[in-house]
Structures are given as C-alpha cells and as structure tokens.
C-alpha atoms as a PDB file:
ATOM      1  CA  MET A   1      62.756  80.135  98.178  1.00  0.00           C
ATOM      2  CA  PRO A   2      66.293  82.231  98.064  1.00  0.00           C
ATOM      3  CA  ARG A   3      68.081  82.037  94.957  1.00  0.00           C
ATOM      4  CA  PRO A   4      71.645  79.670  94.941  1.00  0.00           C
ATOM      5  CA  ASN A   5      74.435  82.501  93.338  1.00  0.00           C
ATOM      6  CA  HIS A   6      73.486  84.934  95.988  1.00  0.00           C
ATOM      7  CA  ALA A   7      74.912  84.423  98.863  1.00  0.00           C
ATOM      8  CA  ASN A   8      72.712  85.389 102.248  1.00  0.00           C
ATOM      9  CA  HIS A   9      74.196  87.765 104.233  1.00  0.00           C
ATOM     10  CA  ASN A  10      71.866  86.719 107.995  1.00  0.00           C
ATOM     11  CA  ASN A  11      73.965  83.458 107.635  1.00  0.00           C
ATOM     12  CA  PRO A  12      77.685  84.324 106.784  1.00  0.00           C
ATOM     13  CA  PRO A  13      79.954  81.556 105.491  1.00  0.00           C
ATOM     14  CA  ALA A  14      81.605  79.345 108.547  1.00  0.00           C
ATOM     15  CA  ASP A  15      85.092  80.171 106.854  1.00  0.00           C
ATOM     16  CA  TYR A  16      83.845  83.916 107.475  1.00  0.00           C
ATOM     17  CA  LEU A  17      82.998  84.063 111.909  1.00  0.00           C
ATOM     18  CA  ASP A  18      85.717  81.436 111.922  1.00  0.00           C
ATOM     19  CA  GLY A  19      88.959  83.207 110.272  1.00  0.00           C
ATOM     20  CA  PHE A  20      91.260  85.750 112.062  1.00  0.00           C
ATOM     21  CA  ILE A  21      91.507  89.333 111.664  1.00  0.00           C
ATOM     22  CA  ASP A  22      93.503  91.622 113.452  1.00  0.00           C
ATOM     23  CA  GLU A  23      92.709  94.132 116.253  1.00  0.00           C
ATOM     24  CA  ILE A  24      92.105  96.789 114.208  1.00  0.00           C
ATOM     25  CA  GLN A  25      89.720  95.002 111.646  1.00  0.00           C
ATOM     26  CA  ALA A  26      88.028  93.894 115.704  1.00  0.00           C
ATOM     27  CA  ALA A  27      87.855  97.008 116.990  1.00  0.00           C
ATOM     28  CA  ASP A  28      86.075  97.870 114.057  1.00  0.00           C
ATOM     29  CA  PHE A  29      84.014  95.524 113.980  1.00  0.00           C
ATOM     30  CA  LEU A  30      82.384  95.847 117.186  1.00  0.00           C
ATOM     31  CA  CYS A  31      83.134  99.610 117.361  1.00  0.00           C
ATOM     32  CA  GLN A  32      86.011 100.742 118.906  1.00  0.00           C
ATOM     33  CA  SER A  33      88.900 102.139 119.290  1.00  0.00           C
ATOM     34  CA  VAL A  34      91.854  99.920 118.969  1.00  0.00           C
ATOM     35  CA  ARG A  35      93.220 101.356 122.735  1.00  0.00           C
ATOM     36  CA  THR A  36      89.460 100.098 123.810  1.00  0.00           C
ATOM     37  CA  LEU A  37      90.314  96.377 123.302  1.00  0.00           C
ATOM     38  CA  GLN A  38      93.677  96.687 124.174  1.00  0.00           C
ATOM     39  CA  LYS A  39      92.902  97.865 128.031  1.00  0.00           C
ATOM     40  CA  TRP A  40      89.792  95.006 127.824  1.00  0.00           C
ATOM     41  CA  ARG A  41      93.022  92.530 126.583  1.00  0.00           C
ATOM     42  CA  VAL A  42      95.009  93.483 130.181  1.00  0.00           C
ATOM     43  CA  SER A  43      91.513  93.810 132.772  1.00  0.00           C
ATOM     44  CA  GLY A  44      90.388  90.406 130.882  1.00  0.00           C
ATOM     45  CA  PHE A  45      86.929  92.268 130.265  1.00  0.00           C
ATOM     46  CA  GLY A  46      87.020  91.701 126.743  1.00  0.00           C
ATOM     47  CA  PRO A  47      86.609  89.458 123.670  1.00  0.00           C
ATOM     48  CA  HIS A  48      88.885  85.978 123.575  1.00  0.00           C
ATOM     49  CA  PHE A  49      91.720  86.739 121.404  1.00  0.00           C
ATOM     50  CA  TYR A  50      94.247  84.368 120.044  1.00  0.00           C
ATOM     51  CA  LYS A  51      98.340  85.618 120.032  1.00  0.00           C
ATOM     52  CA  PRO A  52      99.938  83.779 117.867  1.00  0.00           C
ATOM     53  CA  GLY A  53     103.925  84.981 118.481  1.00  0.00           C
ATOM     54  CA  ARG A  54     103.440  89.057 119.123  1.00  0.00           C
ATOM     55  CA  SER A  55     100.839  89.956 117.147  1.00  0.00           C
ATOM     56  CA  VAL A  56      97.405  90.275 118.674  1.00  0.00           C
ATOM     57  CA  ARG A  57      94.207  88.048 116.802  1.00  0.00           C
ATOM     58  CA  TYR A  58      90.493  88.277 116.625  1.00  0.00           C
ATOM     59  CA  ARG A  59      87.768  85.248 114.969  1.00  0.00           C
ATOM     60  CA  ARG A  60      84.607  86.849 114.408  1.00  0.00           C
ATOM     61  CA  ARG A  61      82.813  84.578 115.538  1.00  0.00           C
ATOM     62  CA  ASP A  62      84.319  84.706 119.248  1.00  0.00           C
ATOM     63  CA  LEU A  63      83.284  89.064 118.939  1.00  0.00           C
ATOM     64  CA  LEU A  64      79.970  88.484 117.680  1.00  0.00           C
ATOM     65  CA  GLU A  65      79.247  85.747 120.989  1.00  0.00           C
ATOM     66  CA  TRP A  66      80.932  87.882 123.592  1.00  0.00           C
ATOM     67  CA  ALA A  67      78.962  91.574 121.549  1.00  0.00           C
ATOM     68  CA  ALA A  68      75.562  88.984 121.890  1.00  0.00           C
ATOM     69  CA  THR A  69      76.789  88.653 126.150  1.00  0.00           C
ATOM     70  CA  ARG A  70      76.273  93.047 126.209  1.00  0.00           C
ATOM     71  CA  ARG A  71      73.232  92.886 124.411  1.00  0.00           C
ATOM     72  CA  ARG A  72      71.328  94.311 127.557  1.00  0.00           C
ATOM     73  CA  SER A  73      66.880  95.625 127.075  1.00  0.00           C
ATOM     74  CA  ASN A  74      67.500  98.390 129.556  1.00  0.00           C
ATOM     75  CA  THR A  75      69.939 100.436 131.409  1.00  0.00           C
END
C-alpha cells in the first residue's frame, strides 16, 4: 500500500504535466537542442507549442504525447 505522504513518481500530478515550460526546458525534456526544437517548429514536425506574445511555451503533456508517437521497436 503506498504511503500517503510520498508522491508516485510514475504518475506525476496533472498540474505538472499541464504546466507550461520554455523552449530551453522543453529541449532538455526531449534530450534535444533548442535549435532542433526551433527547426521543428518551422517545419511543422515537432510537438505542439504555444506562442503567447513573443515567447514560445510547451506543455509537458504535449511533449510526452508527441514523443510517444515517435516510439519505434526497430529501425
């Protein structure tokens, strides 16, 4: 039985997944460079992003969902 005071690391809280992060954090989250994320945005290849004003933001949930679509079992 899980302890009530300890977070379950396999299921992060929804507010963590739905919070916005900047492109530096998103690049780190995906183990990519910021420049790669920038190229993906221009080409339309990468994960969904938000552009409130001049800044670019990502939701961790969108990054995880996008990464799951890239999963492969062989080459």
